[in-house]
Amino acid sequence: CAFDAPVPRIVDDVRLILPHIPDSAILTDAGSTKQSICECLSDLAQGSPTFLGSHPIAGSERQGFEFANADLFEGRMCVLTPLPQHQTQEIERVERFWQGLGMRTRRLSPSEHDRALARTSHVPHVVAAAVAGSLAPADLAWTGSGFRDTTRIASGDPVLWTGILRENATEVLAGLAAVKQQLEDFCAALAADDTTALIAKVAKLG
């Protein structure tokens, strides 16, 4: 059984269904954060039923049945976040579930997952929202594909993303601090008209 719900709801939803499923069941989820969920459900790591966290890294900012995609998981990565007390056969069983949907699987600890996804998903979402929010309405007429590509992910569900950011606040703040330093370096190079430094900074994007 896989739970695909907003991150703040997953723990309660898992607890709610426990009395209604067999002891042999293995539960997993599709939440974008893992540390808090896995900690709150750690008593089920050796339980009957068992919970083992997952995060299929797939999807888009679009919502609704009209945007359903039968190949959504094909070739994409799914991260499993087992705890030390999980048994090997349970981990492999969840891996086979996601692999059966066409996904590649990898194992990380919950904290490793949240650190990595903060930098590759959660922080980019905040940055995209900040760029979109910095644009004056009068300038919308002059936007092109570059602006649309940069800000596309900012159109995701704001309630859903607020839950993700709050659950992973520590790692998101650390990632934003790194972005802030990069922006300050760009500002310093521009203010000093330092062509060499600017080329070096922009070259890192290539």
C-alpha atoms as a PDB file:
ATOM      1  CA  CYS A   1       0.000   0.000   0.000  1.00  0.00           C
ATOM      2  CA  ALA A   2       1.517   3.338  -1.070  1.00  0.00           C
ATOM      3  CA  PHE A   3       0.326   6.655   0.362  1.00  0.00           C
ATOM      4  CA  ASP A   4       0.343   9.617  -2.002  1.00  0.00           C
ATOM      5  CA  ALA A   5      -0.880  12.514   0.126  1.00  0.00           C
ATOM      6  CA  PRO A   6       0.382  15.940   1.225  1.00  0.00           C
ATOM      7  CA  VAL A   7       3.412  15.437   3.459  1.00  0.00           C
ATOM      8  CA  PRO A   8       1.791  16.709   6.708  1.00  0.00           C
ATOM      9  CA  ARG A   9      -1.038  14.156   6.335  1.00  0.00           C
ATOM     10  CA  ILE A  10       0.948  10.991   5.659  1.00  0.00           C
ATOM     11  CA  VAL A  11       1.626   9.931   9.261  1.00  0.00           C
ATOM     12  CA  ASP A  12      -2.013  10.344  10.312  1.00  0.00           C
ATOM     13  CA  ASP A  13      -3.250   8.561   7.183  1.00  0.00           C
ATOM     14  CA  VAL A  14      -0.961   5.595   7.848  1.00  0.00           C
ATOM     15  CA  ARG A  15      -2.134   5.347  11.460  1.00  0.00           C
ATOM     16  CA  LEU A  16      -5.743   5.562  10.318  1.00  0.00           C
ATOM     17  CA  ILE A  17      -5.515   2.578   7.987  1.00  0.00           C
ATOM     18  CA  LEU A  18      -3.542   0.250  10.282  1.00  0.00           C
ATOM     19  CA  PRO A  19      -6.578  -1.468  11.879  1.00  0.00           C
ATOM     20  CA  HIS A  20      -7.949  -2.326   8.438  1.00  0.00           C
ATOM     21  CA  ILE A  21      -5.015  -4.091   6.760  1.00  0.00           C
ATOM     22  CA  PRO A  22      -3.358  -7.479   7.318  1.00  0.00           C
ATOM     23  CA  ASP A  23      -0.279  -7.803   9.509  1.00  0.00           C
ATOM     24  CA  SER A  24       1.717  -8.996   6.498  1.00  0.00           C
ATOM     25  CA  ALA A  25       1.236  -5.693   4.645  1.00  0.00           C
ATOM     26  CA  ILE A  26       4.111  -3.326   3.929  1.00  0.00           C
ATOM     27  CA  LEU A  27       3.195   0.342   3.716  1.00  0.00           C
ATOM     28  CA  THR A  28       5.181   2.993   1.907  1.00  0.00           C
ATOM     29  CA  ASP A  29       4.587   6.549   0.733  1.00  0.00           C
ATOM     30  CA  ALA A  30       5.444   9.052  -1.977  1.00  0.00           C
ATOM     31  CA  GLY A  31       6.233  12.043   0.225  1.00  0.00           C
ATOM     32  CA  SER A  32       8.866  14.596  -0.770  1.00  0.00           C
ATOM     33  CA  THR A  33      10.373  14.686   2.735  1.00  0.00           C
ATOM     34  CA  LYS A  34      11.363  11.691   4.798  1.00  0.00           C
ATOM     35  CA  GLN A  35      13.021  12.513   8.147  1.00  0.00           C
ATOM     36  CA  SER A  36       9.919  13.517  10.081  1.00  0.00           C
ATOM     37  CA  ILE A  37       7.689  10.848   8.522  1.00  0.00           C
ATOM     38  CA  CYS A  38      10.152   8.028   9.171  1.00  0.00           C
ATOM     39  CA  GLU A  39      10.787   9.191  12.736  1.00  0.00           C
ATOM     40  CA  CYS A  40       7.080   9.398  13.544  1.00  0.00           C
ATOM     41  CA  LEU A  41       6.463   5.929  12.095  1.00  0.00           C
ATOM     42  CA  SER A  42       9.685   4.310  13.327  1.00  0.00           C
ATOM     43  CA  ASP A  43       7.682   1.997  15.599  1.00  0.00           C
ATOM     44  CA  LEU A  44       6.397   0.361  12.404  1.00  0.00           C
ATOM     45  CA  ALA A  45       9.888  -0.392  11.062  1.00  0.00           C
ATOM     46  CA  GLN A  46       9.670  -3.739  12.852  1.00  0.00           C
ATOM     47  CA  GLY A  47       5.920  -3.776  13.098  1.00  0.00           C
ATOM     48  CA  SER A  48       3.157  -5.816  11.613  1.00  0.00           C
ATOM     49  CA  PRO A  49       2.200  -4.118   9.326  1.00  0.00           C
ATOM     50  CA  THR A  50       5.497  -2.463   8.402  1.00  0.00           C
ATOM     51  CA  PHE A  51       6.129   1.073   7.125  1.00  0.00           C
ATOM     52  CA  LEU A  52       9.132   1.894   4.924  1.00  0.00           C
ATOM     53  CA  GLY A  53       9.514   5.374   3.436  1.00  0.00           C
ATOM     54  CA  SER A  54       9.832   6.030  -0.303  1.00  0.00           C
ATOM     55  CA  HIS A  55      10.020   9.020  -2.605  1.00  0.00           C
ATOM     56  CA  PRO A  56       9.390   8.483  -6.321  1.00  0.00           C
ATOM     57  CA  ILE A  57      11.093  11.468  -7.939  1.00  0.00           C
ATOM     58  CA  ALA A  58       8.623  12.051 -10.738  1.00  0.00           C
ATOM     59  CA  GLY A  59       5.765  14.364 -11.565  1.00  0.00           C
ATOM     60  CA  SER A  60       5.275  17.970 -12.554  1.00  0.00           C
ATOM     61  CA  GLU A  61       3.713  21.187 -11.349  1.00  0.00           C
ATOM     62  CA  ARG A  62       0.455  20.261 -13.115  1.00  0.00           C
ATOM     63  CA  GLN A  63      -2.487  18.774 -11.235  1.00  0.00           C
ATOM     64  CA  GLY A  64      -5.627  16.863 -12.128  1.00  0.00           C
ATOM     65  CA  PHE A  65      -6.643  13.777 -14.088  1.00  0.00           C
ATOM     66  CA  GLU A  66      -6.278  15.632 -17.374  1.00  0.00           C
ATOM     67  CA  PHE A  67      -2.509  15.680 -16.804  1.00  0.00           C
ATOM     68  CA  ALA A  68      -2.220  11.973 -15.935  1.00  0.00           C
ATOM     69  CA  ASN A  69       0.701  10.208 -17.619  1.00  0.00           C
ATOM     70  CA  ALA A  70       0.875   6.430 -17.936  1.00  0.00           C
ATOM     71  CA  ASP A  71       4.673   6.627 -18.296  1.00  0.00           C
ATOM     72  CA  LEU A  72       5.180   8.951 -15.325  1.00  0.00           C
ATOM     73  CA  PHE A  73       7.507   6.588 -13.450  1.00  0.00           C
ATOM     74  CA  GLU A  74       9.278   5.014 -16.419  1.00  0.00           C
ATOM     75  CA  GLY A  75      13.050   5.330 -16.026  1.00  0.00           C
ATOM     76  CA  ARG A  76      12.779   7.720 -13.086  1.00  0.00           C
ATOM     77  CA  MET A  77      14.460   7.393  -9.689  1.00  0.00           C
ATOM     78  CA  CYS A  78      12.727   6.268  -6.513  1.00  0.00           C
ATOM     79  CA  VAL A  79      14.566   6.747  -3.221  1.00  0.00           C
ATOM     80  CA  LEU A  80      13.882   4.304  -0.392  1.00  0.00           C
ATOM     81  CA  THR A  81      14.724   5.437   3.139  1.00  0.00           C
ATOM     82  CA  PRO A  82      14.945   2.305   5.286  1.00  0.00           C
ATOM     83  CA  LEU A  83      15.850   2.454   8.952  1.00  0.00           C
ATOM     84  CA  PRO A  84      18.485   0.145  10.496  1.00  0.00           C
ATOM     85  CA  GLN A  85      15.780  -2.074  11.977  1.00  0.00           C
ATOM     86  CA  HIS A  86      14.160  -2.852   8.618  1.00  0.00           C
ATOM     87  CA  GLN A  87      14.753  -6.364   7.339  1.00  0.00           C
ATOM     88  CA  THR A  88      16.421  -6.898   3.972  1.00  0.00           C
ATOM     89  CA  GLN A  89      13.464  -8.792   2.526  1.00  0.00           C
ATOM     90  CA  GLU A  90      11.125  -5.912   3.381  1.00  0.00           C
ATOM     91  CA  ILE A  91      13.368  -3.388   1.644  1.00  0.00           C
ATOM     92  CA  GLU A  92      13.668  -5.599  -1.417  1.00  0.00           C
ATOM     93  CA  ARG A  93       9.902  -6.082  -1.516  1.00  0.00           C
ATOM     94  CA  VAL A  94       9.320  -2.318  -1.682  1.00  0.00           C
ATOM     95  CA  GLU A  95      12.081  -1.985  -4.277  1.00  0.00           C
ATOM     96  CA  ARG A  96      10.362  -4.579  -6.460  1.00  0.00           C
ATOM     97  CA  PHE A  97       7.104  -2.637  -6.181  1.00  0.00           C
ATOM     98  CA  TRP A  98       8.649   0.549  -7.585  1.00  0.00           C
ATOM     99  CA  GLN A  99      10.767  -1.320 -10.124  1.00  0.00           C
ATOM    100  CA  GLY A 100       7.580  -2.970 -11.365  1.00  0.00           C
ATOM    101  CA  LEU A 101       6.365   0.523 -12.265  1.00  0.00           C
ATOM    102  CA  GLY A 102       9.492   1.093 -14.343  1.00  0.00           C
ATOM    103  CA  MET A 103      11.522   2.990 -11.755  1.00  0.00           C
ATOM    104  CA  ARG A 104      15.158   2.733 -10.734  1.00  0.00           C
ATOM    105  CA  THR A 105      15.679   2.517  -6.978  1.00  0.00           C
ATOM    106  CA  ARG A 106      18.296   3.762  -4.573  1.00  0.00           C
ATOM    107  CA  ARG A 107      18.585   3.691  -0.790  1.00  0.00           C
ATOM    108  CA  LEU A 108      19.390   6.690   1.418  1.00  0.00           C
ATOM    109  CA  SER A 109      18.868   7.421   5.080  1.00  0.00           C
ATOM    110  CA  PRO A 110      15.948   9.795   5.765  1.00  0.00           C
ATOM    111  CA  SER A 111      18.353  12.611   6.669  1.00  0.00           C
ATOM    112  CA  GLU A 112      20.472  12.046   3.541  1.00  0.00           C
ATOM    113  CA  HIS A 113      17.318  12.156   1.431  1.00  0.00           C
ATOM    114  CA  ASP A 114      16.098  15.421   2.945  1.00  0.00           C
ATOM    115  CA  ARG A 115      19.508  17.062   2.569  1.00  0.00           C
ATOM    116  CA  ALA A 116      19.785  16.044  -1.089  1.00  0.00           C
ATOM    117  CA  LEU A 117      16.206  16.921  -2.041  1.00  0.00           C
ATOM    118  CA  ALA A 118      16.414  20.289  -0.315  1.00  0.00           C
ATOM    119  CA  ARG A 119      19.181  21.268  -2.715  1.00  0.00           C
ATOM    120  CA  THR A 120      17.835  19.627  -5.858  1.00  0.00           C
ATOM    121  CA  SER A 121      14.093  20.280  -5.471  1.00  0.00           C
ATOM    122  CA  HIS A 122      12.929  22.323  -2.493  1.00  0.00           C
ATOM    123  CA  VAL A 123      15.414  25.208  -2.718  1.00  0.00           C
ATOM    124  CA  PRO A 124      14.979  25.511  -6.515  1.00  0.00           C
ATOM    125  CA  HIS A 125      11.230  25.816  -5.927  1.00  0.00           C
ATOM    126  CA  VAL A 126      11.761  28.675  -3.471  1.00  0.00           C
ATOM    127  CA  VAL A 127      14.172  30.390  -5.862  1.00  0.00           C
ATOM    128  CA  ALA A 128      11.703  30.030  -8.743  1.00  0.00           C
ATOM    129  CA  ALA A 129       8.957  31.534  -6.586  1.00  0.00           C
ATOM    130  CA  ALA A 130      11.271  34.392  -5.584  1.00  0.00           C
ATOM    131  CA  VAL A 131      12.137  35.154  -9.212  1.00  0.00           C
ATOM    132  CA  ALA A 132       8.455  35.073 -10.184  1.00  0.00           C
ATOM    133  CA  GLY A 133       7.549  37.270  -7.223  1.00  0.00           C
ATOM    134  CA  SER A 134      10.211  39.842  -8.070  1.00  0.00           C
ATOM    135  CA  LEU A 135       8.677  40.631 -11.465  1.00  0.00           C
ATOM    136  CA  ALA A 136       6.535  43.740 -11.691  1.00  0.00           C
ATOM    137  CA  PRO A 137       3.162  43.086 -13.380  1.00  0.00           C
ATOM    138  CA  ALA A 138       4.015  45.676 -16.029  1.00  0.00           C
ATOM    139  CA  ASP A 139       7.002  43.560 -17.108  1.00  0.00           C
ATOM    140  CA  LEU A 140       5.024  40.366 -17.764  1.00  0.00           C
ATOM    141  CA  ALA A 141       4.562  41.343 -21.400  1.00  0.00           C
ATOM    142  CA  TRP A 142       8.320  41.112 -21.937  1.00  0.00           C
ATOM    143  CA  THR A 143       8.877  37.619 -20.587  1.00  0.00           C
ATOM    144  CA  GLY A 144      10.122  34.880 -22.893  1.00  0.00           C
ATOM    145  CA  SER A 145      10.965  31.200 -22.695  1.00  0.00           C
ATOM    146  CA  GLY A 146      13.886  31.819 -20.328  1.00  0.00           C
ATOM    147  CA  PHE A 147      11.643  33.357 -17.687  1.00  0.00           C
ATOM    148  CA  ARG A 148       8.989  30.678 -18.174  1.00  0.00           C
ATOM    149  CA  ASP A 149      11.553  27.875 -17.848  1.00  0.00           C
ATOM    150  CA  THR A 150      13.058  29.446 -14.725  1.00  0.00           C
ATOM    151  CA  THR A 151       9.737  29.973 -12.948  1.00  0.00           C
ATOM    152  CA  ARG A 152       7.684  27.003 -14.226  1.00  0.00           C
ATOM    153  CA  ILE A 153       7.911  24.974 -11.021  1.00  0.00           C
ATOM    154  CA  ALA A 154       6.713  27.936  -8.956  1.00  0.00           C
ATOM    155  CA  SER A 155       3.199  27.279 -10.287  1.00  0.00           C
ATOM    156  CA  GLY A 156       2.868  24.134  -8.142  1.00  0.00           C
ATOM    157  CA  ASP A 157       0.189  23.847  -5.454  1.00  0.00           C
ATOM    158  CA  PRO A 158       1.136  26.459  -2.802  1.00  0.00           C
ATOM    159  CA  VAL A 159      -0.467  24.528   0.074  1.00  0.00           C
ATOM    160  CA  LEU A 160       1.327  21.320  -0.906  1.00  0.00           C
ATOM    161  CA  TRP A 161       4.660  23.117  -1.181  1.00  0.00           C
ATOM    162  CA  THR A 162       4.221  24.979   2.088  1.00  0.00           C
ATOM    163  CA  GLY A 163       3.902  21.614   3.814  1.00  0.00           C
ATOM    164  CA  ILE A 164       7.059  20.307   2.130  1.00  0.00           C
ATOM    165  CA  LEU A 165       9.085  23.405   3.025  1.00  0.00           C
ATOM    166  CA  ARG A 166       7.958  23.383   6.654  1.00  0.00           C
ATOM    167  CA  GLU A 167       8.749  19.686   7.060  1.00  0.00           C
ATOM    168  CA  ASN A 168      12.264  20.187   5.662  1.00  0.00           C
ATOM    169  CA  ALA A 169      12.897  23.695   6.967  1.00  0.00           C
ATOM    170  CA  THR A 170      16.373  23.071   8.407  1.00  0.00           C
ATOM    171  CA  GLU A 171      17.824  21.710   5.172  1.00  0.00           C
ATOM    172  CA  VAL A 172      15.974  24.247   3.014  1.00  0.00           C
ATOM    173  CA  LEU A 173      17.369  27.109   5.086  1.00  0.00           C
ATOM    174  CA  ALA A 174      20.882  25.692   4.717  1.00  0.00           C
ATOM    175  CA  GLY A 175      20.404  25.423   0.963  1.00  0.00           C
ATOM    176  CA  LEU A 176      19.036  28.955   0.721  1.00  0.00           C
ATOM    177  CA  ALA A 177      22.060  30.240   2.635  1.00  0.00           C
ATOM    178  CA  ALA A 178      24.281  28.719  -0.052  1.00  0.00           C
ATOM    179  CA  VAL A 179      22.188  30.359  -2.792  1.00  0.00           C
ATOM    180  CA  LYS A 180      22.331  33.677  -0.938  1.00  0.00           C
ATOM    181  CA  GLN A 181      26.131  33.472  -0.878  1.00  0.00           C
ATOM    182  CA  GLN A 182      26.187  32.835  -4.622  1.00  0.00           C
ATOM    183  CA  LEU A 183      23.977  35.878  -5.226  1.00  0.00           C
ATOM    184  CA  GLU A 184      26.179  38.025  -3.001  1.00  0.00           C
ATOM    185  CA  ASP A 185      29.229  36.892  -4.977  1.00  0.00           C
ATOM    186  CA  PHE A 186      27.500  37.864  -8.231  1.00  0.00           C
ATOM    187  CA  CYS A 187      26.567  41.253  -6.766  1.00  0.00           C
ATOM    188  CA  ALA A 188      30.128  41.867  -5.603  1.00  0.00           C
ATOM    189  CA  ALA A 189      31.547  40.974  -9.017  1.00  0.00           C
ATOM    190  CA  LEU A 190      29.044  43.223 -10.790  1.00  0.00           C
ATOM    191  CA  ALA A 191      29.640  46.125  -8.418  1.00  0.00           C
ATOM    192  CA  ALA A 192      33.391  45.821  -8.969  1.00  0.00           C
ATOM    193  CA  ASP A 193      32.965  45.346 -12.736  1.00  0.00           C
ATOM    194  CA  ASP A 194      35.101  42.215 -12.310  1.00  0.00           C
ATOM    195  CA  THR A 195      34.824  40.530 -15.705  1.00  0.00           C
ATOM    196  CA  THR A 196      37.041  37.600 -14.732  1.00  0.00           C
ATOM    197  CA  ALA A 197      34.955  36.804 -11.657  1.00  0.00           C
ATOM    198  CA  LEU A 198      31.698  37.109 -13.600  1.00  0.00           C
ATOM    199  CA  ILE A 199      32.904  34.775 -16.329  1.00  0.00           C
ATOM    200  CA  ALA A 200      33.998  32.263 -13.692  1.00  0.00           C
ATOM    201  CA  LYS A 201      30.622  32.433 -11.931  1.00  0.00           C
ATOM    202  CA  VAL A 202      28.579  32.123 -15.127  1.00  0.00           C
ATOM    203  CA  ALA A 203      30.848  29.333 -16.414  1.00  0.00           C
ATOM    204  CA  LYS A 204      29.769  27.168 -13.461  1.00  0.00           C
ATOM    205  CA  LEU A 205      26.287  27.126 -14.970  1.00  0.00           C
ATOM    206  CA  GLY A 206      27.492  25.499 -18.184  1.00  0.00           C
END
